Amino acid sequence: MVKAVKYIFLLLTVINLTSCGNFKNVSIDEVEESRVRKQSGSKVVVETRIRVNNPTSHKLVLRKINAEILRNGYQFADVTLKEKVKVPAHTNDYHSVLLEFDVINIMAVITGTVDLTQLDDSFTATGFIKGGTGLLSKKFKFADVPMSRLENLLDTE
């Protein structure tokens, strides 16, 4: 679960870096900790602390995440953002982020068939992230991105 959270934030950073001038120098430098805050049936709420470097003169807001984690082409989990994340201008601070995972095949996790800390290329991410500055917002779409590529995308920018 920790790696999935980290991959989603790495993906957000890469998309922001390549798609909008206001996000050019914004980065997510560290995922400090992740913990399960609540679990009910197949829904798992994960709280994670991330360090966001926002050297721009604009407050950034992460408004929405709607993504699927696929395993071998089959839907494994849906991921949504529980609360908006506001990042003030000219800051390099930690922010708490709440993500809700709706795991389609919860038995794979319970029985240990899937180790969420070791997501390989059989897992991909598809969906969108909506963020912006002030009144401007943009929807960043992504499709079938392998987990290992998510981890290395920042090296190519």
C-alpha atoms as a PDB file:
ATOM      1  CA  MET A   1       0.000   0.000   0.000  1.00  0.00           C
ATOM      2  CA  VAL A   2       2.887   2.381   0.809  1.00  0.00           C
ATOM      3  CA  LYS A   3       4.426   1.874  -2.645  1.00  0.00           C
ATOM      4  CA  ALA A   4       1.073   2.441  -4.328  1.00  0.00           C
ATOM      5  CA  VAL A   5       0.685   5.746  -2.465  1.00  0.00           C
ATOM      6  CA  LYS A   6       4.236   6.757  -3.371  1.00  0.00           C
ATOM      7  CA  TYR A   7       3.703   5.886  -7.043  1.00  0.00           C
ATOM      8  CA  ILE A   8       0.545   7.973  -7.225  1.00  0.00           C
ATOM      9  CA  PHE A   9       2.368  11.008  -5.841  1.00  0.00           C
ATOM     10  CA  LEU A  10       5.346  10.461  -8.125  1.00  0.00           C
ATOM     11  CA  LEU A  11       2.933  10.283 -11.036  1.00  0.00           C
ATOM     12  CA  LEU A  12       1.289  13.534  -9.905  1.00  0.00           C
ATOM     13  CA  THR A  13       4.667  15.256  -9.815  1.00  0.00           C
ATOM     14  CA  VAL A  14       5.690  14.061 -13.256  1.00  0.00           C
ATOM     15  CA  ILE A  15       2.402  15.032 -14.836  1.00  0.00           C
ATOM     16  CA  ASN A  16       2.558  18.462 -13.248  1.00  0.00           C
ATOM     17  CA  LEU A  17       6.140  18.987 -14.371  1.00  0.00           C
ATOM     18  CA  THR A  18       5.364  18.176 -17.988  1.00  0.00           C
ATOM     19  CA  SER A  19       1.921  19.736 -18.394  1.00  0.00           C
ATOM     20  CA  CYS A  20       1.804  23.190 -16.847  1.00  0.00           C
ATOM     21  CA  GLY A  21       4.311  26.011 -16.491  1.00  0.00           C
ATOM     22  CA  ASN A  22       3.078  26.861 -12.986  1.00  0.00           C
ATOM     23  CA  PHE A  23       4.135  23.392 -11.860  1.00  0.00           C
ATOM     24  CA  LYS A  24       7.528  23.384 -13.571  1.00  0.00           C
ATOM     25  CA  ASN A  25       9.653  23.403 -10.416  1.00  0.00           C
ATOM     26  CA  VAL A  26       7.185  21.704  -8.067  1.00  0.00           C
ATOM     27  CA  SER A  27       8.323  18.361  -6.705  1.00  0.00           C
ATOM     28  CA  ILE A  28       7.336  15.763  -4.186  1.00  0.00           C
ATOM     29  CA  ASP A  29      10.631  15.066  -2.501  1.00  0.00           C
ATOM     30  CA  GLU A  30       9.761  12.473   0.094  1.00  0.00           C
ATOM     31  CA  VAL A  31       7.025  10.192   1.319  1.00  0.00           C
ATOM     32  CA  GLU A  32       7.697  10.246   5.053  1.00  0.00           C
ATOM     33  CA  GLU A  33       5.224   7.718   6.357  1.00  0.00           C
ATOM     34  CA  SER A  34       2.010   5.980   5.433  1.00  0.00           C
ATOM     35  CA  ARG A  35      -0.429   4.299   7.740  1.00  0.00           C
ATOM     36  CA  VAL A  36      -3.820   2.713   7.469  1.00  0.00           C
ATOM     37  CA  ARG A  37      -6.219   5.073   9.151  1.00  0.00           C
ATOM     38  CA  LYS A  38      -9.409   3.101   8.619  1.00  0.00           C
ATOM     39  CA  GLN A  39     -10.444  -0.183   7.048  1.00  0.00           C
ATOM     40  CA  SER A  40     -13.990  -1.273   6.429  1.00  0.00           C
ATOM     41  CA  GLY A  41     -14.600  -4.219   4.148  1.00  0.00           C
ATOM     42  CA  SER A  42     -12.786  -3.551   0.902  1.00  0.00           C
ATOM     43  CA  LYS A  43     -12.219   0.166   1.607  1.00  0.00           C
ATOM     44  CA  VAL A  44      -8.904   1.227   3.096  1.00  0.00           C
ATOM     45  CA  VAL A  45      -8.132   4.860   3.982  1.00  0.00           C
ATOM     46  CA  VAL A  46      -4.418   5.553   3.981  1.00  0.00           C
ATOM     47  CA  GLU A  47      -2.888   8.666   5.490  1.00  0.00           C
ATOM     48  CA  THR A  48       0.508   9.593   4.180  1.00  0.00           C
ATOM     49  CA  ARG A  49       2.827  12.516   4.820  1.00  0.00           C
ATOM     50  CA  ILE A  50       4.639  13.898   1.825  1.00  0.00           C
ATOM     51  CA  ARG A  51       7.158  16.716   1.517  1.00  0.00           C
ATOM     52  CA  VAL A  52       6.172  19.052  -1.309  1.00  0.00           C
ATOM     53  CA  ASN A  53       8.585  21.661  -2.621  1.00  0.00           C
ATOM     54  CA  ASN A  54       6.602  24.557  -4.143  1.00  0.00           C
ATOM     55  CA  PRO A  55       9.054  27.323  -5.100  1.00  0.00           C
ATOM     56  CA  THR A  56       6.431  29.066  -7.272  1.00  0.00           C
ATOM     57  CA  SER A  57       4.563  32.219  -6.305  1.00  0.00           C
ATOM     58  CA  HIS A  58       1.237  30.349  -6.517  1.00  0.00           C
ATOM     59  CA  LYS A  59      -0.627  28.310  -3.928  1.00  0.00           C
ATOM     60  CA  LEU A  60      -1.193  24.840  -5.380  1.00  0.00           C
ATOM     61  CA  VAL A  61      -4.251  22.716  -4.695  1.00  0.00           C
ATOM     62  CA  LEU A  62      -4.584  19.011  -5.386  1.00  0.00           C
ATOM     63  CA  ARG A  63      -8.343  18.758  -5.880  1.00  0.00           C
ATOM     64  CA  LYS A  64      -9.096  15.236  -7.035  1.00  0.00           C
ATOM     65  CA  ILE A  65      -7.548  11.869  -7.788  1.00  0.00           C
ATOM     66  CA  ASN A  66      -9.543   9.188  -9.529  1.00  0.00           C
ATOM     67  CA  ALA A  67      -7.457   6.213 -10.573  1.00  0.00           C
ATOM     68  CA  GLU A  68      -7.532   2.482 -11.037  1.00  0.00           C
ATOM     69  CA  ILE A  69      -4.722   0.166 -10.104  1.00  0.00           C
ATOM     70  CA  LEU A  70      -4.775  -2.681 -12.609  1.00  0.00           C
ATOM     71  CA  ARG A  71      -3.122  -6.076 -12.177  1.00  0.00           C
ATOM     72  CA  ASN A  72      -2.392  -7.984 -15.373  1.00  0.00           C
ATOM     73  CA  GLY A  73      -5.006  -5.833 -17.090  1.00  0.00           C
ATOM     74  CA  TYR A  74      -7.729  -6.495 -14.511  1.00  0.00           C
ATOM     75  CA  GLN A  75      -8.991  -3.891 -12.074  1.00  0.00           C
ATOM     76  CA  PHE A  76      -7.396  -4.374  -8.670  1.00  0.00           C
ATOM     77  CA  ALA A  77      -8.322  -1.188  -6.766  1.00  0.00           C
ATOM     78  CA  ASP A  78      -9.885   2.242  -7.222  1.00  0.00           C
ATOM     79  CA  VAL A  79      -8.085   5.178  -5.606  1.00  0.00           C
ATOM     80  CA  THR A  80      -9.645   8.538  -4.709  1.00  0.00           C
ATOM     81  CA  LEU A  81      -8.496  11.593  -2.783  1.00  0.00           C
ATOM     82  CA  LYS A  82     -10.503  12.070   0.423  1.00  0.00           C
ATOM     83  CA  GLU A  83      -9.628  15.744   1.047  1.00  0.00           C
ATOM     84  CA  LYS A  84      -8.099  18.579  -0.972  1.00  0.00           C
ATOM     85  CA  VAL A  85      -4.416  19.241  -0.329  1.00  0.00           C
ATOM     86  CA  LYS A  86      -3.330  22.888  -0.217  1.00  0.00           C
ATOM     87  CA  VAL A  87       0.345  23.737  -0.689  1.00  0.00           C
ATOM     88  CA  PRO A  88       1.257  27.390   0.026  1.00  0.00           C
ATOM     89  CA  ALA A  89       3.546  29.317  -2.313  1.00  0.00           C
ATOM     90  CA  HIS A  90       7.305  29.373  -1.606  1.00  0.00           C
ATOM     91  CA  THR A  91       7.253  26.403   0.771  1.00  0.00           C
ATOM     92  CA  ASN A  92       9.019  23.080   1.221  1.00  0.00           C
ATOM     93  CA  ASP A  93       6.906  21.418   3.898  1.00  0.00           C
ATOM     94  CA  TYR A  94       5.191  18.160   4.827  1.00  0.00           C
ATOM     95  CA  HIS A  95       1.498  17.711   4.086  1.00  0.00           C
ATOM     96  CA  SER A  96      -0.937  15.002   5.192  1.00  0.00           C
ATOM     97  CA  VAL A  97      -2.849  13.347   2.376  1.00  0.00           C
ATOM     98  CA  LEU A  98      -5.798  10.986   2.725  1.00  0.00           C
ATOM     99  CA  LEU A  99      -6.350   8.441  -0.037  1.00  0.00           C
ATOM    100  CA  GLU A 100      -9.144   5.892  -0.162  1.00  0.00           C
ATOM    101  CA  PHE A 101      -8.386   2.548  -1.799  1.00  0.00           C
ATOM    102  CA  ASP A 102     -11.373   0.421  -2.751  1.00  0.00           C
ATOM    103  CA  VAL A 103      -9.727  -2.955  -3.283  1.00  0.00           C
ATOM    104  CA  ILE A 104     -11.713  -5.069  -5.745  1.00  0.00           C
ATOM    105  CA  ASN A 105     -10.047  -8.363  -4.778  1.00  0.00           C
ATOM    106  CA  ILE A 106      -9.509  -7.896  -1.039  1.00  0.00           C
ATOM    107  CA  MET A 107      -8.874 -11.637  -0.583  1.00  0.00           C
ATOM    108  CA  ALA A 108      -5.633 -11.340  -2.583  1.00  0.00           C
ATOM    109  CA  VAL A 109      -4.379  -8.879   0.033  1.00  0.00           C
ATOM    110  CA  ILE A 110      -5.710 -10.772   3.052  1.00  0.00           C
ATOM    111  CA  THR A 111      -4.257 -14.111   1.956  1.00  0.00           C
ATOM    112  CA  GLY A 112      -0.910 -12.572   1.027  1.00  0.00           C
ATOM    113  CA  THR A 113      -1.202 -13.424  -2.663  1.00  0.00           C
ATOM    114  CA  VAL A 114      -0.512  -9.733  -3.351  1.00  0.00           C
ATOM    115  CA  ASP A 115       2.145  -7.878  -1.375  1.00  0.00           C
ATOM    116  CA  LEU A 116       1.233  -4.201  -1.712  1.00  0.00           C
ATOM    117  CA  THR A 117       4.780  -3.190  -0.784  1.00  0.00           C
ATOM    118  CA  GLN A 118       6.209  -5.022  -3.823  1.00  0.00           C
ATOM    119  CA  LEU A 119       4.112  -3.844  -6.769  1.00  0.00           C
ATOM    120  CA  ASP A 120       5.775  -5.020  -9.976  1.00  0.00           C
ATOM    121  CA  ASP A 121       4.990  -4.415 -13.642  1.00  0.00           C
ATOM    122  CA  SER A 122       1.906  -6.609 -13.428  1.00  0.00           C
ATOM    123  CA  PHE A 123       0.380  -3.503 -11.758  1.00  0.00           C
ATOM    124  CA  THR A 124      -0.432  -0.392 -13.786  1.00  0.00           C
ATOM    125  CA  ALA A 125      -2.198   2.898 -13.057  1.00  0.00           C
ATOM    126  CA  THR A 126      -4.959   4.472 -15.160  1.00  0.00           C
ATOM    127  CA  GLY A 127      -7.000   7.568 -14.333  1.00  0.00           C
ATOM    128  CA  PHE A 128      -6.673  11.287 -13.740  1.00  0.00           C
ATOM    129  CA  ILE A 129      -5.471  13.855 -11.256  1.00  0.00           C
ATOM    130  CA  LYS A 130      -7.014  17.318 -11.019  1.00  0.00           C
ATOM    131  CA  GLY A 131      -5.004  20.157  -9.564  1.00  0.00           C
ATOM    132  CA  GLY A 132      -4.449  23.836 -10.008  1.00  0.00           C
ATOM    133  CA  THR A 133      -3.528  27.277  -8.826  1.00  0.00           C
ATOM    134  CA  GLY A 134      -6.177  29.773  -7.766  1.00  0.00           C
ATOM    135  CA  LEU A 135      -9.063  29.662 -10.230  1.00  0.00           C
ATOM    136  CA  LEU A 136      -7.067  27.767 -12.852  1.00  0.00           C
ATOM    137  CA  SER A 137      -7.230  24.012 -12.822  1.00  0.00           C
ATOM    138  CA  LYS A 138      -6.158  21.210 -15.071  1.00  0.00           C
ATOM    139  CA  LYS A 139      -7.024  17.543 -15.357  1.00  0.00           C
ATOM    140  CA  PHE A 140      -3.984  15.344 -15.951  1.00  0.00           C
ATOM    141  CA  LYS A 141      -4.855  11.984 -17.526  1.00  0.00           C
ATOM    142  CA  PHE A 142      -2.665   8.887 -17.515  1.00  0.00           C
ATOM    143  CA  ALA A 143      -3.235   5.356 -18.813  1.00  0.00           C
ATOM    144  CA  ASP A 144      -1.624   1.946 -18.316  1.00  0.00           C
ATOM    145  CA  VAL A 145       1.532   3.287 -16.683  1.00  0.00           C
ATOM    146  CA  PRO A 146       3.582   0.392 -15.212  1.00  0.00           C
ATOM    147  CA  MET A 147       4.528   0.792 -11.561  1.00  0.00           C
ATOM    148  CA  SER A 148       8.262   0.520 -12.273  1.00  0.00           C
ATOM    149  CA  ARG A 149       7.975   3.342 -14.824  1.00  0.00           C
ATOM    150  CA  LEU A 150       6.181   5.515 -12.293  1.00  0.00           C
ATOM    151  CA  GLU A 151       9.099   5.099  -9.947  1.00  0.00           C
ATOM    152  CA  ASN A 152      11.635   6.153 -12.599  1.00  0.00           C
ATOM    153  CA  LEU A 153       9.744   8.858 -14.501  1.00  0.00           C
ATOM    154  CA  LEU A 154      11.350  11.675 -12.516  1.00  0.00           C
ATOM    155  CA  ASP A 155      14.791  10.602 -13.749  1.00  0.00           C
ATOM    156  CA  THR A 156      13.789  11.331 -17.354  1.00  0.00           C
ATOM    157  CA  GLU A 157      12.583  14.915 -16.841  1.00  0.00           C
END
